[in-house]
Amino acid sequence: NAARWQYGYTGTQRQNGKRVWLRRNWCKGDLVHYGTGTGKHVAIVVDPAKGLVVSHGTEAGPEVVPWNYRNDFNSCRRYI
């Protein structure tokens, strides 16, 4: 990332990529951002038809959850 951090930073991700405005246009691999400002969390779209994402927000490991499992959805972005 631009700050040479040794881990990910949601602010850099949120400044790049293309915003996907409509959920029906989401694709596998798009990133769903949560939180305001520079962001708090990111999940990966794995089943756009069902609205499912993979999140690694717990110590138990990654889990497949609905995109709206958090109440602070911000945007979906595409990077490729």
N, C-alpha and C. Protein backbone atom coordinates (compact mmCIF):
# COMPACT_ATOMS: atom_id res chain seq x y z
N ASN A 1 0.83 -1.19 0.00
CA ASN A 1 0.00 0.00 0.00
C ASN A 1 0.87 1.25 0.00
N ALA A 2 0.28 2.36 -0.12
CA ALA A 2 1.02 3.61 -0.28
C ALA A 2 1.83 3.99 0.96
N ALA A 3 1.46 3.50 2.12
CA ALA A 3 2.16 3.86 3.35
C ALA A 3 3.23 2.83 3.75
N ARG A 4 3.46 1.84 2.91
CA ARG A 4 4.42 0.76 3.18
C ARG A 4 4.11 0.02 4.49
N TRP A 5 2.84 -0.09 4.81
CA TRP A 5 2.45 -0.84 5.99
C TRP A 5 2.68 -2.31 5.73
N GLN A 6 2.80 -3.09 6.76
CA GLN A 6 3.03 -4.51 6.61
C GLN A 6 1.72 -5.30 6.73
N TYR A 7 0.62 -4.61 6.68
CA TYR A 7 -0.68 -5.26 6.70
C TYR A 7 -1.64 -4.40 5.89
N GLY A 8 -2.84 -4.89 5.67
CA GLY A 8 -3.80 -4.19 4.83
C GLY A 8 -4.35 -2.93 5.47
N TYR A 9 -4.82 -2.04 4.65
CA TYR A 9 -5.41 -0.78 5.11
C TYR A 9 -6.63 -0.50 4.26
N THR A 10 -7.80 -0.48 4.88
CA THR A 10 -9.04 -0.29 4.13
C THR A 10 -9.12 1.07 3.46
N GLY A 11 -8.46 2.08 4.01
CA GLY A 11 -8.49 3.42 3.41
C GLY A 11 -7.89 3.43 2.02
N THR A 12 -6.78 2.72 1.82
CA THR A 12 -6.16 2.64 0.49
C THR A 12 -7.08 1.90 -0.47
N GLN A 13 -7.68 0.82 -0.03
CA GLN A 13 -8.60 0.07 -0.89
C GLN A 13 -9.79 0.94 -1.27
N ARG A 14 -10.31 1.70 -0.33
CA ARG A 14 -11.49 2.50 -0.59
C ARG A 14 -11.21 3.65 -1.57
N GLN A 15 -9.97 4.10 -1.64
CA GLN A 15 -9.61 5.18 -2.56
C GLN A 15 -9.40 4.68 -3.98
N ASN A 16 -9.35 3.37 -4.16
CA ASN A 16 -9.06 2.80 -5.48
C ASN A 16 -10.18 1.87 -5.91
N GLY A 17 -10.01 1.31 -7.07
CA GLY A 17 -11.04 0.43 -7.60
C GLY A 17 -12.23 1.21 -8.12
N LYS A 18 -13.19 0.47 -8.64
CA LYS A 18 -14.40 1.08 -9.21
C LYS A 18 -15.59 0.70 -8.35
N ARG A 19 -16.35 1.67 -7.94
CA ARG A 19 -17.53 1.38 -7.13
C ARG A 19 -18.58 0.67 -7.97
N VAL A 20 -19.15 -0.37 -7.42
CA VAL A 20 -20.25 -1.10 -8.06
C VAL A 20 -21.52 -0.70 -7.33
N TRP A 21 -22.33 0.11 -7.96
CA TRP A 21 -23.45 0.75 -7.29
C TRP A 21 -24.61 -0.19 -7.00
N LEU A 22 -24.91 -1.11 -7.90
CA LEU A 22 -26.08 -1.98 -7.73
C LEU A 22 -25.65 -3.38 -7.32
N ARG A 23 -26.30 -3.94 -6.30
CA ARG A 23 -25.93 -5.26 -5.83
C ARG A 23 -26.11 -6.32 -6.91
N ARG A 24 -27.05 -6.15 -7.79
CA ARG A 24 -27.25 -7.14 -8.85
C ARG A 24 -26.05 -7.19 -9.82
N ASN A 25 -25.18 -6.19 -9.79
CA ASN A 25 -23.99 -6.17 -10.64
C ASN A 25 -22.72 -6.65 -9.93
N TRP A 26 -22.83 -7.04 -8.67
CA TRP A 26 -21.66 -7.54 -7.95
C TRP A 26 -21.17 -8.82 -8.60
N CYS A 27 -19.85 -9.04 -8.56
CA CYS A 27 -19.22 -10.25 -9.10
C CYS A 27 -18.37 -10.90 -8.02
N LYS A 28 -18.10 -12.19 -8.22
CA LYS A 28 -17.18 -12.88 -7.31
C LYS A 28 -15.87 -12.13 -7.28
N GLY A 29 -15.33 -11.94 -6.10
CA GLY A 29 -14.05 -11.25 -5.94
C GLY A 29 -14.16 -9.78 -5.64
N ASP A 30 -15.34 -9.18 -5.85
CA ASP A 30 -15.53 -7.78 -5.46
C ASP A 30 -15.39 -7.68 -3.94
N LEU A 31 -14.98 -6.52 -3.46
CA LEU A 31 -14.83 -6.31 -2.02
C LEU A 31 -15.96 -5.45 -1.48
N VAL A 32 -16.55 -5.90 -0.40
CA VAL A 32 -17.62 -5.17 0.28
C VAL A 32 -16.99 -4.46 1.48
N HIS A 33 -17.15 -3.15 1.52
CA HIS A 33 -16.56 -2.33 2.59
C HIS A 33 -17.60 -1.95 3.61
N TYR A 34 -17.19 -1.97 4.86
CA TYR A 34 -18.06 -1.61 5.98
C TYR A 34 -17.41 -0.50 6.79
N GLY A 35 -18.23 0.36 7.38
CA GLY A 35 -17.74 1.43 8.23
C GLY A 35 -17.61 2.75 7.49
N THR A 36 -17.53 3.82 8.25
CA THR A 36 -17.40 5.16 7.68
C THR A 36 -15.94 5.56 7.57
N GLY A 37 -15.70 6.71 6.97
CA GLY A 37 -14.34 7.23 6.86
C GLY A 37 -13.44 6.31 6.07
N THR A 38 -12.31 5.91 6.64
CA THR A 38 -11.38 5.02 5.95
C THR A 38 -11.81 3.57 6.02
N GLY A 39 -12.86 3.29 6.76
CA GLY A 39 -13.41 1.94 6.81
C GLY A 39 -13.00 1.17 8.04
N LYS A 40 -13.78 0.14 8.34
CA LYS A 40 -13.55 -0.70 9.51
C LYS A 40 -13.32 -2.16 9.15
N HIS A 41 -13.89 -2.62 8.03
CA HIS A 41 -13.83 -4.04 7.69
C HIS A 41 -14.09 -4.23 6.20
N VAL A 42 -13.56 -5.31 5.65
CA VAL A 42 -13.76 -5.65 4.24
C VAL A 42 -14.07 -7.14 4.15
N ALA A 43 -15.01 -7.52 3.29
CA ALA A 43 -15.33 -8.91 3.01
C ALA A 43 -15.28 -9.13 1.50
N ILE A 44 -15.18 -10.37 1.08
CA ILE A 44 -15.06 -10.72 -0.34
C ILE A 44 -16.35 -11.38 -0.82
N VAL A 45 -16.89 -10.90 -1.94
CA VAL A 45 -18.10 -11.49 -2.52
C VAL A 45 -17.75 -12.88 -3.07
N VAL A 46 -18.50 -13.90 -2.64
CA VAL A 46 -18.27 -15.27 -3.13
C VAL A 46 -19.46 -15.83 -3.89
N ASP A 47 -20.66 -15.34 -3.61
CA ASP A 47 -21.86 -15.78 -4.33
C ASP A 47 -22.77 -14.57 -4.51
N PRO A 48 -22.56 -13.84 -5.61
CA PRO A 48 -23.33 -12.61 -5.80
C PRO A 48 -24.83 -12.85 -5.92
N ALA A 49 -25.25 -13.96 -6.51
CA ALA A 49 -26.67 -14.23 -6.68
C ALA A 49 -27.39 -14.36 -5.33
N LYS A 50 -26.71 -14.95 -4.36
CA LYS A 50 -27.29 -15.12 -3.03
C LYS A 50 -26.87 -14.01 -2.07
N GLY A 51 -25.98 -13.13 -2.51
CA GLY A 51 -25.53 -12.03 -1.66
C GLY A 51 -24.62 -12.49 -0.54
N LEU A 52 -23.77 -13.49 -0.81
CA LEU A 52 -22.90 -14.03 0.22
C LEU A 52 -21.47 -13.52 0.08
N VAL A 53 -20.85 -13.28 1.23
CA VAL A 53 -19.46 -12.81 1.29
C VAL A 53 -18.68 -13.69 2.26
N VAL A 54 -17.36 -13.68 2.12
CA VAL A 54 -16.49 -14.34 3.10
C VAL A 54 -15.90 -13.25 3.97
N SER A 55 -16.03 -13.44 5.28
CA SER A 55 -15.49 -12.49 6.23
C SER A 55 -14.54 -13.22 7.17
N HIS A 56 -13.49 -12.55 7.57
CA HIS A 56 -12.55 -13.13 8.54
C HIS A 56 -12.49 -12.21 9.75
N GLY A 57 -13.66 -11.89 10.25
CA GLY A 57 -13.74 -10.93 11.35
C GLY A 57 -13.70 -11.54 12.74
N THR A 58 -13.51 -12.86 12.83
CA THR A 58 -13.45 -13.50 14.14
C THR A 58 -12.21 -14.38 14.23
N GLU A 59 -11.83 -14.72 15.43
CA GLU A 59 -10.67 -15.59 15.61
C GLU A 59 -10.97 -17.02 15.19
N ALA A 60 -12.25 -17.36 15.06
CA ALA A 60 -12.62 -18.71 14.63
C ALA A 60 -12.23 -18.95 13.17
N GLY A 61 -11.97 -17.90 12.43
CA GLY A 61 -11.56 -18.04 11.04
C GLY A 61 -12.60 -17.51 10.09
N PRO A 62 -12.36 -17.68 8.80
CA PRO A 62 -13.29 -17.17 7.79
C PRO A 62 -14.65 -17.85 7.87
N GLU A 63 -15.68 -17.10 7.53
CA GLU A 63 -17.02 -17.66 7.48
C GLU A 63 -17.80 -17.01 6.35
N VAL A 64 -18.71 -17.76 5.76
CA VAL A 64 -19.58 -17.25 4.71
C VAL A 64 -20.83 -16.69 5.37
N VAL A 65 -21.11 -15.43 5.07
CA VAL A 65 -22.24 -14.73 5.70
C VAL A 65 -22.95 -13.87 4.65
N PRO A 66 -24.20 -13.46 4.92
CA PRO A 66 -24.88 -12.54 4.01
C PRO A 66 -24.15 -11.19 3.98
N TRP A 67 -24.19 -10.50 2.86
CA TRP A 67 -23.47 -9.24 2.71
C TRP A 67 -23.90 -8.21 3.75
N ASN A 68 -25.11 -8.30 4.22
CA ASN A 68 -25.62 -7.31 5.18
C ASN A 68 -25.59 -7.82 6.62
N TYR A 69 -24.65 -8.74 6.92
CA TYR A 69 -24.53 -9.25 8.29
C TYR A 69 -24.07 -8.17 9.27
N ARG A 70 -23.51 -7.09 8.75
CA ARG A 70 -23.16 -5.92 9.56
C ARG A 70 -24.10 -4.79 9.18
N ASN A 71 -24.34 -3.89 10.10
CA ASN A 71 -25.27 -2.79 9.81
C ASN A 71 -24.56 -1.53 9.34
N ASP A 72 -23.23 -1.62 9.04
CA ASP A 72 -22.49 -0.43 8.61
C ASP A 72 -21.94 -0.57 7.19
N PHE A 73 -22.72 -1.22 6.30
CA PHE A 73 -22.32 -1.35 4.89
C PHE A 73 -22.00 0.02 4.31
N ASN A 74 -20.90 0.12 3.55
CA ASN A 74 -20.53 1.38 2.93
C ASN A 74 -20.59 1.31 1.42
N SER A 75 -19.88 0.31 0.81
CA SER A 75 -19.85 0.23 -0.64
C SER A 75 -19.28 -1.11 -1.07
N CYS A 76 -19.43 -1.38 -2.35
CA CYS A 76 -18.80 -2.53 -2.97
C CYS A 76 -17.88 -1.99 -4.06
N ARG A 77 -16.65 -2.54 -4.14
CA ARG A 77 -15.68 -2.03 -5.10
C ARG A 77 -15.05 -3.18 -5.87
N ARG A 78 -14.70 -2.89 -7.13
CA ARG A 78 -14.07 -3.88 -8.03
C ARG A 78 -12.68 -3.39 -8.38
N TYR A 79 -11.73 -4.30 -8.36
CA TYR A 79 -10.32 -3.93 -8.57
C TYR A 79 -9.71 -4.55 -9.81
N ILE A 80 -10.42 -5.45 -10.49
CA ILE A 80 -9.89 -6.03 -11.72
C ILE A 80 -10.89 -5.89 -12.85
